[in-house]
């Protein structure tokens, strides 16, 4: 089983300190929601949010959307050998039923995540939800998963060729792979601390969904799915 964590994802509702900002209030009113119930999205909110701490790592729900579409549509997920989690910048963890089919349309995805953060699960009254969320740090999540092999994907790590990555997955039957879900910047120290192995597949930063694609292809090849 491969446990894929999209870590420190730029996925959060509007922070309280921005609720009274005119830009935020106008956008929230247009959507008929309180500012606390909508996602921070720099496409709409950058002028109001540009002074937030770590702004380069926040307000990009589209990154998580792309990553989840890539992972949930993979052969590994179809064969039942993949579990996907989203750990957010604000230490929330989203659990995802592998059979979930996320909306392809970005705005529908945004509405789904807004409902998830408000209600705690989707569908809200389901006994077996497709998505559910908990307050949890990444170290708590890795401990809960209970797998000793933890790999962090970072351009600062040790270089692994595609063939070496395949060999790794052939040797390690259960692995946690952590990939950043933010646009720029670096992982927090807590995230670095949970990974025994830091791996690079290229000497420059790559888009998160590109890294997910390469990792899952190597994993699927190790399983003989290709």
Foldseek 3Di string as FASTA:
>chain_A
DEEEEQAQAQWAADDPVQQPPPQLVVVCVVVPHRSRLFIQACVRCCVSCVPPPPVQFHRHVVLVVLQCQLVLPDPCLVVPNYFYWYQHNQQKIKGADSVDDADPDPVSNRVVVSCCVVQQFPVNPDPDGRMGMDRHHPLRVCVVVPFQAEEEEDLPFDEDELVRLLVVCLVRVYYYYYFYNGDDDDDDVVVVVSHPGYYYHDNDDDRRNVVSNSNSVSNCVSVVVD
